[in-house]
Amino acid sequence: MCIKNTPHISDLSEKLLYIGKVISTFDLEPKRYITAFLQSSHKQIVMNRRLWGADIGWRSTLEVLNSIKYLVCKTKAGQSRWKNYILLEASTLFLLLISDFVLTALYHTDI
């Protein structure tokens, strides 16, 4: 791919529109591109997202998560879906914490 001929674009909206055209030429839409980027095991792509969970990258990761939340929650149906998603995540975390607690308690008792 030749990126040397990429036009100089200063406006962010114009950059986004241009990138959208580029990814659509590869038969991708934005969600599919983002999902593939986040799930890829390709060495260079893994390297590009290495800071997403690190202290140095966490602020911008939260911006991404909050932007998704804002878009999803624009409707009542979206708010309900977001709430259900968060409750499922919280329930999963709670069960993991409880199982860790129980295993630790069993380990320290003489049963």
N, C-alpha and C. Protein backbone atom coordinates (compact mmCIF):
# COMPACT_ATOMS: atom_id res chain seq x y z
N MET A 1 0.85 -1.19 0.00
CA MET A 1 0.00 0.00 0.00
C MET A 1 0.89 1.24 0.00
N CYS A 2 0.57 2.15 -0.86
CA CYS A 2 1.37 3.38 -0.98
C CYS A 2 0.72 4.49 -0.16
N ILE A 3 1.37 4.87 0.92
CA ILE A 3 0.83 5.98 1.72
C ILE A 3 1.56 7.28 1.42
N LYS A 4 2.52 7.22 0.51
CA LYS A 4 3.25 8.43 0.14
C LYS A 4 2.36 9.42 -0.58
N ASN A 5 1.36 8.92 -1.28
CA ASN A 5 0.48 9.80 -2.07
C ASN A 5 -0.77 10.22 -1.29
N THR A 6 -0.78 9.98 0.00
CA THR A 6 -1.92 10.37 0.82
C THR A 6 -2.00 11.89 0.86
N PRO A 7 -3.17 12.44 0.59
CA PRO A 7 -3.29 13.90 0.60
C PRO A 7 -3.12 14.48 2.00
N HIS A 8 -2.59 15.69 2.07
CA HIS A 8 -2.49 16.38 3.36
C HIS A 8 -3.87 16.91 3.71
N ILE A 9 -4.38 16.48 4.85
CA ILE A 9 -5.70 16.90 5.32
C ILE A 9 -5.52 17.37 6.76
N SER A 10 -5.94 18.59 7.04
CA SER A 10 -5.77 19.11 8.40
C SER A 10 -7.04 18.96 9.25
N ASP A 11 -8.21 19.01 8.64
CA ASP A 11 -9.47 18.92 9.37
C ASP A 11 -9.73 17.47 9.80
N LEU A 12 -10.01 17.26 11.09
CA LEU A 12 -10.21 15.91 11.61
C LEU A 12 -11.39 15.21 10.93
N SER A 13 -12.50 15.91 10.73
CA SER A 13 -13.65 15.30 10.07
C SER A 13 -13.30 14.84 8.67
N GLU A 14 -12.53 15.65 7.95
CA GLU A 14 -12.11 15.26 6.60
C GLU A 14 -11.18 14.05 6.65
N LYS A 15 -10.31 13.99 7.66
CA LYS A 15 -9.44 12.82 7.83
C LYS A 15 -10.27 11.57 8.05
N LEU A 16 -11.29 11.67 8.91
CA LEU A 16 -12.15 10.53 9.19
C LEU A 16 -12.90 10.07 7.95
N LEU A 17 -13.40 11.03 7.18
CA LEU A 17 -14.10 10.68 5.94
C LEU A 17 -13.16 9.99 4.96
N TYR A 18 -11.94 10.49 4.85
CA TYR A 18 -10.94 9.90 3.96
C TYR A 18 -10.61 8.47 4.40
N ILE A 19 -10.36 8.29 5.69
CA ILE A 19 -10.05 6.96 6.21
C ILE A 19 -11.23 6.02 6.00
N GLY A 20 -12.44 6.53 6.18
CA GLY A 20 -13.64 5.72 5.92
C GLY A 20 -13.69 5.23 4.48
N LYS A 21 -13.33 6.11 3.54
CA LYS A 21 -13.29 5.71 2.13
C LYS A 21 -12.23 4.64 1.90
N VAL A 22 -11.08 4.82 2.55
CA VAL A 22 -9.99 3.85 2.38
C VAL A 22 -10.40 2.49 2.91
N ILE A 23 -10.93 2.43 4.13
CA ILE A 23 -11.29 1.11 4.67
C ILE A 23 -12.44 0.48 3.90
N SER A 24 -13.32 1.30 3.34
CA SER A 24 -14.42 0.73 2.55
C SER A 24 -13.92 0.11 1.25
N THR A 25 -12.79 0.60 0.73
CA THR A 25 -12.22 -0.04 -0.47
C THR A 25 -11.71 -1.44 -0.14
N PHE A 26 -11.48 -1.74 1.13
CA PHE A 26 -11.06 -3.07 1.56
C PHE A 26 -12.25 -3.90 2.04
N ASP A 27 -13.45 -3.46 1.70
CA ASP A 27 -14.69 -4.15 2.08
C ASP A 27 -14.87 -4.23 3.60
N LEU A 28 -14.49 -3.17 4.28
CA LEU A 28 -14.67 -3.09 5.72
C LEU A 28 -15.55 -1.90 6.06
N GLU A 29 -16.34 -2.05 7.11
CA GLU A 29 -17.04 -0.91 7.67
C GLU A 29 -16.38 -0.60 9.01
N PRO A 30 -16.61 0.57 9.58
CA PRO A 30 -15.87 0.98 10.78
C PRO A 30 -15.90 -0.03 11.94
N LYS A 31 -17.07 -0.57 12.28
CA LYS A 31 -17.13 -1.51 13.41
C LYS A 31 -16.30 -2.77 13.13
N ARG A 32 -16.39 -3.25 11.91
CA ARG A 32 -15.62 -4.46 11.56
C ARG A 32 -14.12 -4.18 11.63
N TYR A 33 -13.72 -3.00 11.16
CA TYR A 33 -12.30 -2.62 11.23
C TYR A 33 -11.84 -2.52 12.69
N ILE A 34 -12.62 -1.83 13.50
CA ILE A 34 -12.25 -1.64 14.90
C ILE A 34 -12.17 -2.98 15.63
N THR A 35 -13.18 -3.83 15.41
CA THR A 35 -13.19 -5.15 16.04
C THR A 35 -11.98 -5.98 15.62
N ALA A 36 -11.69 -5.98 14.32
CA ALA A 36 -10.53 -6.73 13.83
C ALA A 36 -9.24 -6.18 14.42
N PHE A 37 -9.13 -4.86 14.50
CA PHE A 37 -7.94 -4.23 15.08
C PHE A 37 -7.76 -4.65 16.54
N LEU A 38 -8.86 -4.67 17.30
CA LEU A 38 -8.78 -5.00 18.72
C LEU A 38 -8.53 -6.49 18.98
N GLN A 39 -8.92 -7.35 18.04
CA GLN A 39 -8.80 -8.79 18.25
C GLN A 39 -7.62 -9.42 17.52
N SER A 40 -6.95 -8.68 16.67
CA SER A 40 -5.87 -9.25 15.86
C SER A 40 -4.70 -9.73 16.71
N SER A 41 -4.10 -10.84 16.27
CA SER A 41 -2.91 -11.34 16.95
C SER A 41 -1.65 -11.03 16.14
N HIS A 42 -1.79 -10.25 15.06
CA HIS A 42 -0.63 -9.85 14.26
C HIS A 42 0.33 -9.03 15.13
N LYS A 43 1.60 -9.37 15.05
CA LYS A 43 2.62 -8.77 15.93
C LYS A 43 2.60 -7.24 15.92
N GLN A 44 2.54 -6.63 14.75
CA GLN A 44 2.58 -5.17 14.66
C GLN A 44 1.30 -4.54 15.22
N ILE A 45 0.18 -5.19 14.98
CA ILE A 45 -1.09 -4.66 15.49
C ILE A 45 -1.14 -4.78 17.01
N VAL A 46 -0.65 -5.91 17.53
CA VAL A 46 -0.56 -6.08 18.99
C VAL A 46 0.31 -4.97 19.57
N MET A 47 1.42 -4.68 18.90
CA MET A 47 2.33 -3.62 19.36
C MET A 47 1.63 -2.25 19.35
N ASN A 48 0.79 -2.00 18.34
CA ASN A 48 0.09 -0.71 18.24
C ASN A 48 -0.91 -0.48 19.37
N ARG A 49 -1.40 -1.56 19.98
CA ARG A 49 -2.39 -1.39 21.05
C ARG A 49 -1.86 -1.77 22.42
N ARG A 50 -0.57 -1.86 22.57
CA ARG A 50 0.04 -2.34 23.81
C ARG A 50 -0.23 -1.45 25.01
N LEU A 51 -0.53 -0.18 24.81
CA LEU A 51 -0.70 0.74 25.94
C LEU A 51 -2.16 0.96 26.34
N TRP A 52 -3.09 0.29 25.68
CA TRP A 52 -4.51 0.52 25.96
C TRP A 52 -4.88 0.29 27.42
N GLY A 53 -4.27 -0.70 28.06
CA GLY A 53 -4.59 -0.98 29.46
C GLY A 53 -3.55 -0.46 30.44
N ALA A 54 -2.49 0.14 29.92
CA ALA A 54 -1.41 0.65 30.78
C ALA A 54 -1.79 2.03 31.33
N ASP A 55 -1.12 2.41 32.41
CA ASP A 55 -1.36 3.73 33.00
C ASP A 55 -1.28 4.85 31.97
N ILE A 56 -0.25 4.79 31.13
CA ILE A 56 -0.01 5.86 30.16
C ILE A 56 -1.12 5.95 29.10
N GLY A 57 -1.80 4.84 28.82
CA GLY A 57 -2.83 4.85 27.79
C GLY A 57 -4.25 4.80 28.31
N TRP A 58 -4.40 4.67 29.61
CA TRP A 58 -5.73 4.45 30.17
C TRP A 58 -6.70 5.61 29.94
N ARG A 59 -6.23 6.85 30.03
CA ARG A 59 -7.12 8.01 29.85
C ARG A 59 -7.78 7.97 28.47
N SER A 60 -6.99 7.72 27.43
CA SER A 60 -7.57 7.69 26.08
C SER A 60 -8.42 6.43 25.87
N THR A 61 -8.09 5.34 26.55
CA THR A 61 -8.93 4.14 26.48
C THR A 61 -10.30 4.44 27.08
N LEU A 62 -10.32 5.16 28.19
CA LEU A 62 -11.60 5.56 28.79
C LEU A 62 -12.39 6.47 27.85
N GLU A 63 -11.69 7.34 27.12
CA GLU A 63 -12.38 8.19 26.13
C GLU A 63 -13.09 7.34 25.09
N VAL A 64 -12.42 6.28 24.63
CA VAL A 64 -13.03 5.37 23.65
C VAL A 64 -14.26 4.69 24.26
N LEU A 65 -14.11 4.14 25.46
CA LEU A 65 -15.23 3.45 26.11
C LEU A 65 -16.40 4.40 26.36
N ASN A 66 -16.10 5.60 26.84
CA ASN A 66 -17.17 6.57 27.11
C ASN A 66 -17.82 7.07 25.83
N SER A 67 -17.07 7.14 24.74
CA SER A 67 -17.65 7.53 23.46
C SER A 67 -18.63 6.47 22.97
N ILE A 68 -18.26 5.20 23.15
CA ILE A 68 -19.17 4.11 22.78
C ILE A 68 -20.42 4.17 23.65
N LYS A 69 -20.23 4.36 24.95
CA LYS A 69 -21.38 4.46 25.86
C LYS A 69 -22.30 5.60 25.44
N TYR A 70 -21.74 6.76 25.13
CA TYR A 70 -22.53 7.92 24.73
C TYR A 70 -23.38 7.60 23.49
N LEU A 71 -22.76 6.95 22.50
CA LEU A 71 -23.48 6.61 21.27
C LEU A 71 -24.58 5.59 21.53
N VAL A 72 -24.27 4.56 22.31
CA VAL A 72 -25.23 3.50 22.59
C VAL A 72 -26.42 4.04 23.39
N CYS A 73 -26.15 4.91 24.33
CA CYS A 73 -27.18 5.38 25.27
C CYS A 73 -28.02 6.54 24.74
N LYS A 74 -27.95 6.85 23.48
CA LYS A 74 -28.75 7.94 22.92
C LYS A 74 -30.23 7.61 22.87
N THR A 75 -30.57 6.32 22.91
CA THR A 75 -31.98 5.91 22.89
C THR A 75 -32.29 5.11 24.14
N LYS A 76 -33.58 5.00 24.45
CA LYS A 76 -34.00 4.19 25.60
C LYS A 76 -33.58 2.73 25.40
N ALA A 77 -33.76 2.22 24.19
CA ALA A 77 -33.38 0.83 23.91
C ALA A 77 -31.87 0.65 24.09
N GLY A 78 -31.10 1.61 23.63
CA GLY A 78 -29.65 1.56 23.79
C GLY A 78 -29.24 1.63 25.25
N GLN A 79 -29.93 2.48 26.01
CA GLN A 79 -29.64 2.59 27.45
C GLN A 79 -29.90 1.25 28.14
N SER A 80 -30.98 0.59 27.75
CA SER A 80 -31.31 -0.71 28.33
C SER A 80 -30.24 -1.75 27.96
N ARG A 81 -29.81 -1.74 26.72
CA ARG A 81 -28.77 -2.68 26.29
C ARG A 81 -27.46 -2.42 27.03
N TRP A 82 -27.11 -1.15 27.19
CA TRP A 82 -25.87 -0.80 27.90
C TRP A 82 -25.95 -1.26 29.36
N LYS A 83 -27.10 -0.98 29.99
CA LYS A 83 -27.29 -1.39 31.39
C LYS A 83 -27.16 -2.91 31.52
N ASN A 84 -27.78 -3.65 30.62
CA ASN A 84 -27.70 -5.11 30.66
C ASN A 84 -26.27 -5.60 30.45
N TYR A 85 -25.56 -4.95 29.56
CA TYR A 85 -24.15 -5.30 29.31
C TYR A 85 -23.31 -5.07 30.57
N ILE A 86 -23.48 -3.90 31.18
CA ILE A 86 -22.71 -3.57 32.38
C ILE A 86 -23.07 -4.51 33.53
N LEU A 87 -24.35 -4.82 33.69
CA LEU A 87 -24.77 -5.74 34.75
C LEU A 87 -24.18 -7.13 34.54
N LEU A 88 -24.13 -7.59 33.30
CA LEU A 88 -23.53 -8.89 33.01
C LEU A 88 -22.04 -8.89 33.35
N GLU A 89 -21.35 -7.82 32.97
CA GLU A 89 -19.92 -7.70 33.29
C GLU A 89 -19.70 -7.65 34.80
N ALA A 90 -20.55 -6.88 35.50
CA ALA A 90 -20.42 -6.77 36.95
C ALA A 90 -20.72 -8.11 37.63
N SER A 91 -21.72 -8.82 37.13
CA SER A 91 -22.06 -10.13 37.69
C SER A 91 -20.92 -11.11 37.51
N THR A 92 -20.31 -11.10 36.34
CA THR A 92 -19.18 -11.98 36.07
C THR A 92 -18.03 -11.67 37.02
N LEU A 93 -17.72 -10.40 37.18
CA LEU A 93 -16.65 -9.99 38.10
C LEU A 93 -16.98 -10.39 39.53
N PHE A 94 -18.22 -10.18 39.94
CA PHE A 94 -18.65 -10.54 41.29
C PHE A 94 -18.46 -12.04 41.54
N LEU A 95 -18.87 -12.87 40.58
CA LEU A 95 -18.72 -14.31 40.73
C LEU A 95 -17.25 -14.72 40.83
N LEU A 96 -16.40 -14.07 40.06
CA LEU A 96 -14.96 -14.35 40.15
C LEU A 96 -14.41 -13.97 41.52
N LEU A 97 -14.83 -12.82 42.03
CA LEU A 97 -14.36 -12.38 43.35
C LEU A 97 -14.85 -13.31 44.45
N ILE A 98 -16.11 -13.72 44.37
CA ILE A 98 -16.67 -14.63 45.37
C ILE A 98 -15.95 -15.97 45.32
N SER A 99 -15.71 -16.50 44.12
CA SER A 99 -15.03 -17.80 44.03
C SER A 99 -13.61 -17.71 44.58
N ASP A 100 -12.92 -16.60 44.31
CA ASP A 100 -11.58 -16.40 44.89
C ASP A 100 -11.65 -16.36 46.42
N PHE A 101 -12.65 -15.66 46.94
CA PHE A 101 -12.83 -15.55 48.38
C PHE A 101 -13.08 -16.92 49.00
N VAL A 102 -13.98 -17.70 48.39
CA VAL A 102 -14.31 -19.03 48.90
C VAL A 102 -13.10 -19.94 48.85
N LEU A 103 -12.38 -19.93 47.74
CA LEU A 103 -11.19 -20.78 47.63
C LEU A 103 -10.14 -20.40 48.67
N THR A 104 -9.96 -19.12 48.89
CA THR A 104 -9.00 -18.66 49.90
C THR A 104 -9.45 -19.09 51.29
N ALA A 105 -10.73 -18.96 51.57
CA ALA A 105 -11.27 -19.35 52.88
C ALA A 105 -11.10 -20.85 53.09
N LEU A 106 -11.40 -21.65 52.07
CA LEU A 106 -11.24 -23.10 52.18
C LEU A 106 -9.78 -23.49 52.39
N TYR A 107 -8.90 -22.78 51.74
CA TYR A 107 -7.47 -23.07 51.85
C TYR A 107 -6.97 -22.84 53.28
N HIS A 108 -7.55 -21.83 53.93
CA HIS A 108 -7.09 -21.46 55.27
C HIS A 108 -7.85 -22.16 56.40
N THR A 109 -8.80 -23.03 56.07
CA THR A 109 -9.52 -23.77 57.11
C THR A 109 -9.05 -25.22 57.11
N ASP A 110 -9.28 -25.88 58.22
CA ASP A 110 -8.85 -27.27 58.36
C ASP A 110 -10.00 -28.23 58.06
N ILE A 111 -10.51 -28.20 56.85
CA ILE A 111 -11.61 -29.10 56.47
C ILE A 111 -11.05 -30.34 55.84
